[in-house]
Amino acid sequence: MSKNTAADALIYSRSFTGLMLRDLRVLRREFIAFLIRTVMNPLLFVFVFTYLFPKIGQEVKGAQSVSFGTILLPGLIAVGIFFQGIMAVALPLSQELGATREIHDRVMAPLPVGLVGVEKIVFSALQSVLAAIVIFPLVYLIPLYPVQVHIYSWPLLVIMVLLAGLTSGAVGLTIGTIVKPEQIGLIFGVVVVPVTFLGCAYYPWAVLSQVPWLQILVLVNPVVYMSEGLRAALTAQVQHMPVTAILTALSAALALIGSIGIRGFLRRVVN
């Protein structure tokens, strides 16, 4: 490596770190809002379906002889990662590219423009990891009946959380470069909510064998692989997809969606 190349790499790494630290300061200032949007949906879902319903005699039965809370835990963590990853990028980016034009400040950093988009994906993944940490105790402690959780593979768990966070950030980057700020709510209603409900968060993918066309159709949904991968890492006693297939599909989704998002980001910034 030449001296110039090494110097450029050092400058890029410092600039990338500087953008991350800037975003971290903003997150620290808005941490209460982050907690509320992260906790509210899984908290209500877990409370109603795994605590309130059993209390009033309307228990939702889990599949494969395990409690519904055991089925829900990895799925709700996956949904939390997905929602947080998108929220961390899509709306702020659409505003930066639109009315505020704050994106100009970012691209003036001594960093290739594409890496500014990559920083947004990486920072959203960091927020997704925090969301997973926050959601786990809620889903584990609230259910009326014990949740049967055991970390069968720490490396798999770490890889899945990181892959899920990066993929969610890539989805957020893609949405943020395409959708106007006033249309973000519409996108969540039309795209994001159906993707999560059909993402095998509330049921294992295997039980969809009773609806074969749907079992095949949902394979285009990255949330399916997030839910199944976390299920393999945390509740392996529940039937799940082969780990190799999960990692391959999610890596491919990250590569495809990430490239689309970066190209869209470059196009919007240059224009």
Protein backbone atom coordinates (compact mmCIF):
# COMPACT_ATOMS: atom_id res chain seq x y z
CA MET A 1 0.00 0.00 0.00
CA SER A 2 1.43 3.40 -1.02
CA LYS A 3 1.78 6.29 1.40
CA ASN A 4 -0.98 8.24 -0.37
CA THR A 5 -3.35 5.28 -0.19
CA ALA A 6 -2.60 4.79 3.51
CA ALA A 7 -3.09 8.50 4.18
CA ASP A 8 -6.42 8.48 2.32
CA ALA A 9 -7.58 5.43 4.28
CA LEU A 10 -6.70 7.18 7.55
CA ILE A 11 -8.60 10.32 6.52
CA TYR A 12 -11.61 8.27 5.44
CA SER A 13 -11.67 6.28 8.67
CA ARG A 14 -11.47 9.45 10.78
CA SER A 15 -14.22 11.12 8.76
CA PHE A 16 -16.42 8.02 8.97
CA THR A 17 -15.88 7.88 12.74
CA GLY A 18 -16.66 11.58 13.00
CA LEU A 19 -20.02 11.11 11.27
CA MET A 20 -20.81 8.18 13.57
CA LEU A 21 -19.96 10.25 16.67
CA ARG A 22 -22.13 13.10 15.39
CA ASP A 23 -25.08 10.74 14.96
CA LEU A 24 -24.43 9.23 18.39
CA ARG A 25 -24.67 12.67 19.99
CA VAL A 26 -28.02 13.21 18.26
CA LEU A 27 -29.23 9.78 19.43
CA ARG A 28 -28.18 10.51 23.00
CA ARG A 29 -30.16 13.75 22.90
CA GLU A 30 -33.23 11.92 21.56
CA PHE A 31 -32.82 8.71 23.55
CA ILE A 32 -36.25 8.90 25.22
CA ALA A 33 -37.96 9.11 21.83
CA PHE A 34 -35.80 6.18 20.67
CA LEU A 35 -36.92 4.09 23.66
CA ILE A 36 -40.59 4.91 23.16
CA ARG A 37 -40.70 4.00 19.48
CA THR A 38 -38.65 0.86 20.15
CA VAL A 39 -40.60 -0.44 23.14
CA MET A 40 -44.24 0.49 22.53
CA ASN A 41 -45.23 -2.00 19.81
CA PRO A 42 -43.55 -5.16 21.24
CA LEU A 43 -44.60 -4.21 24.78
CA LEU A 44 -48.28 -4.00 23.87
CA PHE A 45 -48.18 -7.11 21.69
CA VAL A 46 -46.49 -9.24 24.33
CA PHE A 47 -48.67 -7.91 27.14
CA VAL A 48 -51.95 -8.55 25.31
CA PHE A 49 -51.19 -11.92 23.69
CA THR A 50 -48.94 -13.61 26.25
CA TYR A 51 -50.12 -12.10 29.55
CA LEU A 52 -53.62 -10.63 29.26
CA PHE A 53 -55.18 -13.30 27.04
CA PRO A 54 -54.05 -16.23 29.25
CA LYS A 55 -55.27 -14.31 32.32
CA ILE A 56 -58.78 -13.97 30.89
CA GLY A 57 -58.91 -17.51 29.50
CA GLN A 58 -58.26 -16.69 25.84
CA GLU A 59 -54.74 -18.06 25.55
CA VAL A 60 -53.11 -18.12 22.14
CA LYS A 61 -51.51 -21.53 21.72
CA GLY A 62 -48.00 -21.83 20.39
CA ALA A 63 -47.00 -24.28 17.70
CA GLN A 64 -44.95 -27.44 18.25
CA SER A 65 -45.80 -27.80 21.96
CA VAL A 66 -44.10 -24.60 23.10
CA SER A 67 -45.63 -21.46 24.58
CA PHE A 68 -46.68 -18.60 22.33
CA GLY A 69 -44.14 -16.41 24.14
CA THR A 70 -41.37 -18.76 23.01
CA ILE A 71 -42.55 -18.41 19.41
CA LEU A 72 -42.81 -14.63 19.73
CA LEU A 73 -39.46 -13.80 21.32
CA PRO A 74 -37.17 -14.14 18.29
CA GLY A 75 -39.85 -12.81 15.94
CA LEU A 76 -40.50 -9.63 17.91
CA ILE A 77 -36.78 -8.99 18.23
CA ALA A 78 -36.54 -9.33 14.43
CA VAL A 79 -39.46 -6.93 13.94
CA GLY A 80 -37.93 -4.47 16.41
CA ILE A 81 -34.61 -4.57 14.55
CA PHE A 82 -36.38 -4.08 11.22
CA PHE A 83 -38.55 -1.18 12.36
CA GLN A 84 -35.71 0.58 14.14
CA GLY A 85 -33.31 0.09 11.25
CA ILE A 86 -35.77 1.68 8.84
CA MET A 87 -36.84 4.48 11.18
CA ALA A 88 -33.21 5.40 11.88
CA VAL A 89 -32.55 6.07 8.18
CA ALA A 90 -35.66 6.54 6.04
CA LEU A 91 -37.38 9.58 7.57
CA PRO A 92 -34.22 11.53 8.55
CA LEU A 93 -32.67 10.91 5.13
CA SER A 94 -35.78 11.91 3.19
CA GLN A 95 -35.82 15.18 5.18
CA GLU A 96 -32.09 15.76 4.66
CA LEU A 97 -32.50 15.26 0.93
CA GLY A 98 -35.62 17.42 0.86
CA ALA A 99 -36.47 20.50 2.87
CA THR A 100 -33.46 20.81 5.20
CA ARG A 101 -30.76 19.89 2.63
CA GLU A 102 -28.62 18.91 5.62
CA ILE A 103 -27.11 16.18 3.47
CA HIS A 104 -24.87 18.86 1.93
CA ASP A 105 -23.05 19.21 5.26
CA ARG A 106 -22.39 15.48 5.37
CA VAL A 107 -21.09 15.10 1.84
CA MET A 108 -18.62 17.93 2.41
CA ALA A 109 -16.73 15.59 4.74
CA PRO A 110 -13.45 14.24 3.26
CA LEU A 111 -15.13 10.96 2.43
CA PRO A 112 -16.43 9.38 -0.80
CA VAL A 113 -20.15 10.12 -1.12
CA GLY A 114 -20.98 6.42 -1.22
CA LEU A 115 -19.38 5.93 2.19
CA VAL A 116 -21.67 8.62 3.62
CA GLY A 117 -24.56 6.33 2.66
CA VAL A 118 -22.73 3.33 4.13
CA GLU A 119 -22.33 5.26 7.41
CA LYS A 120 -26.08 5.70 7.59
CA ILE A 121 -26.57 1.94 7.19
CA VAL A 122 -23.93 1.15 9.83
CA PHE A 123 -25.36 3.65 12.31
CA SER A 124 -28.88 2.29 11.81
CA ALA A 125 -27.49 -1.19 12.51
CA LEU A 126 -26.09 0.13 15.79
CA GLN A 127 -29.55 1.42 16.72
CA SER A 128 -31.02 -1.95 15.73
CA VAL A 129 -28.62 -3.72 18.11
CA LEU A 130 -29.73 -1.38 20.91
CA ALA A 131 -33.37 -2.12 20.02
CA ALA A 132 -32.73 -5.87 20.28
CA ILE A 133 -31.12 -5.41 23.71
CA VAL A 134 -34.09 -3.35 24.91
CA ILE A 135 -36.77 -5.69 23.52
CA PHE A 136 -35.31 -8.98 24.79
CA PRO A 137 -36.11 -8.57 28.52
CA LEU A 138 -39.63 -7.35 27.72
CA VAL A 139 -40.47 -10.40 25.62
CA TYR A 140 -38.76 -12.73 28.10
CA LEU A 141 -40.21 -11.44 31.37
CA ILE A 142 -43.77 -10.31 30.58
CA PRO A 143 -45.43 -13.57 29.34
CA LEU A 144 -47.56 -15.38 31.92
CA TYR A 145 -46.01 -18.75 31.02
CA PRO A 146 -42.22 -19.25 30.94
CA VAL A 147 -40.42 -18.49 27.71
CA GLN A 148 -38.04 -21.32 26.82
CA VAL A 149 -34.92 -19.55 25.62
CA HIS A 150 -31.38 -20.82 25.37
CA ILE A 151 -28.59 -19.25 23.33
CA TYR A 152 -27.52 -22.25 21.29
CA SER A 153 -24.81 -20.36 19.41
CA TRP A 154 -23.36 -16.99 20.40
CA PRO A 155 -21.58 -16.53 17.05
CA LEU A 156 -24.82 -17.20 15.18
CA LEU A 157 -26.73 -14.78 17.42
CA VAL A 158 -24.17 -12.01 16.90
CA ILE A 159 -24.04 -12.59 13.14
CA MET A 160 -27.83 -12.62 12.87
CA VAL A 161 -28.31 -9.39 14.83
CA LEU A 162 -25.65 -7.61 12.78
CA LEU A 163 -26.91 -8.95 9.44
CA ALA A 164 -30.50 -8.10 10.33
CA GLY A 165 -29.52 -4.59 11.43
CA LEU A 166 -27.47 -3.89 8.30
CA THR A 167 -30.19 -5.23 6.01
CA SER A 168 -32.83 -3.12 7.77
CA GLY A 169 -30.62 -0.06 7.41
CA ALA A 170 -30.20 -0.81 3.71
CA VAL A 171 -33.98 -0.99 3.34
CA GLY A 172 -34.27 2.33 5.17
CA LEU A 173 -31.64 3.92 2.91
CA THR A 174 -33.50 2.71 -0.18
CA ILE A 175 -36.84 4.05 1.09
CA GLY A 176 -35.27 7.35 2.16
CA THR A 177 -33.82 8.01 -1.29
CA ILE A 178 -37.06 7.18 -3.12
CA VAL A 179 -39.89 8.44 -0.91
CA LYS A 180 -40.76 12.03 -0.02
CA PRO A 181 -41.08 12.84 3.73
CA GLU A 182 -44.85 13.30 3.52
CA GLN A 183 -45.21 9.82 1.98
CA ILE A 184 -43.24 7.91 4.63
CA GLY A 185 -46.41 7.14 6.62
CA LEU A 186 -48.01 5.69 3.50
CA ILE A 187 -45.00 3.48 2.85
CA PHE A 188 -45.16 2.12 6.41
CA GLY A 189 -48.83 1.28 6.02
CA VAL A 190 -48.59 -0.23 2.54
CA VAL A 191 -45.17 -1.91 2.64
CA VAL A 192 -43.53 -2.14 6.07
CA VAL A 193 -46.51 -3.40 8.10
CA PRO A 194 -47.43 -6.22 5.65
CA VAL A 195 -43.74 -7.20 5.44
CA THR A 196 -43.56 -7.62 9.23
CA PHE A 197 -46.86 -9.48 9.57
CA LEU A 198 -45.79 -11.88 6.81
CA GLY A 199 -42.24 -12.11 8.16
CA CYS A 200 -42.76 -15.26 10.26
CA ALA A 201 -42.40 -13.21 13.45
CA TYR A 202 -45.55 -14.59 15.05
CA TYR A 203 -45.27 -18.15 13.71
CA PRO A 204 -42.46 -20.36 12.38
CA TRP A 205 -41.99 -20.55 8.62
CA ALA A 206 -42.49 -24.33 8.77
CA VAL A 207 -46.17 -24.05 9.78
CA LEU A 208 -46.91 -22.22 6.53
CA SER A 209 -46.70 -25.61 4.82
CA GLN A 210 -50.46 -25.65 5.29
CA VAL A 211 -50.61 -22.68 2.89
CA PRO A 212 -47.97 -23.72 0.31
CA TRP A 213 -48.33 -20.72 -2.03
CA LEU A 214 -47.79 -18.31 0.86
CA GLN A 215 -44.86 -20.31 2.22
CA ILE A 216 -43.11 -19.82 -1.12
CA LEU A 217 -44.22 -16.19 -1.60
CA VAL A 218 -42.80 -14.97 1.74
CA LEU A 219 -39.32 -16.15 0.79
CA VAL A 220 -38.76 -12.76 -0.89
CA ASN A 221 -39.24 -11.10 2.51
CA PRO A 222 -35.96 -10.47 4.41
CA VAL A 223 -37.80 -10.35 7.75
CA VAL A 224 -38.53 -14.09 7.32
CA TYR A 225 -34.80 -14.84 7.47
CA MET A 226 -34.27 -12.46 10.39
CA SER A 227 -37.01 -14.20 12.40
CA GLU A 228 -35.90 -17.70 11.46
CA GLY A 229 -32.23 -16.95 12.12
CA LEU A 230 -32.93 -15.55 15.58
CA ARG A 231 -35.21 -18.53 16.20
CA ALA A 232 -32.30 -20.85 15.35
CA ALA A 233 -30.02 -18.95 17.75
CA LEU A 234 -32.45 -18.49 20.67
CA THR A 235 -35.19 -21.14 20.44
CA ALA A 236 -33.70 -23.94 18.39
CA GLN A 237 -36.25 -26.39 19.81
CA VAL A 238 -38.77 -24.69 17.51
CA GLN A 239 -38.53 -25.88 13.92
CA HIS A 240 -36.69 -23.38 11.71
CA MET A 241 -34.99 -23.06 8.34
CA PRO A 242 -31.48 -24.44 7.84
CA VAL A 243 -28.95 -21.94 9.16
CA THR A 244 -26.92 -22.02 5.93
CA ALA A 245 -29.97 -21.08 3.89
CA ILE A 246 -30.82 -18.26 6.31
CA LEU A 247 -27.34 -16.72 6.24
CA THR A 248 -27.06 -17.06 2.46
CA ALA A 249 -30.45 -15.46 1.79
CA LEU A 250 -29.95 -12.60 4.25
CA SER A 251 -26.44 -11.87 2.94
CA ALA A 252 -27.82 -11.78 -0.61
CA ALA A 253 -30.62 -9.46 0.51
CA LEU A 254 -28.10 -7.13 2.16
CA ALA A 255 -25.93 -7.04 -0.96
CA LEU A 256 -28.87 -6.44 -3.32
CA ILE A 257 -30.81 -3.90 -1.25
CA GLY A 258 -27.63 -2.18 -0.10
CA SER A 259 -26.41 -1.67 -3.68
CA ILE A 260 -29.82 -0.29 -4.71
CA GLY A 261 -29.83 2.05 -1.73
CA ILE A 262 -26.28 3.33 -2.33
CA ARG A 263 -26.97 3.93 -6.03
CA GLY A 264 -30.15 5.80 -5.15
CA PHE A 265 -28.27 7.82 -2.52
CA LEU A 266 -25.54 8.77 -5.01
CA ARG A 267 -28.13 9.75 -7.61
CA ARG A 268 -30.08 11.97 -5.22
CA VAL A 269 -27.00 13.65 -3.74
CA VAL A 270 -25.39 14.33 -7.13
CA ASN A 271 -28.64 15.70 -8.51
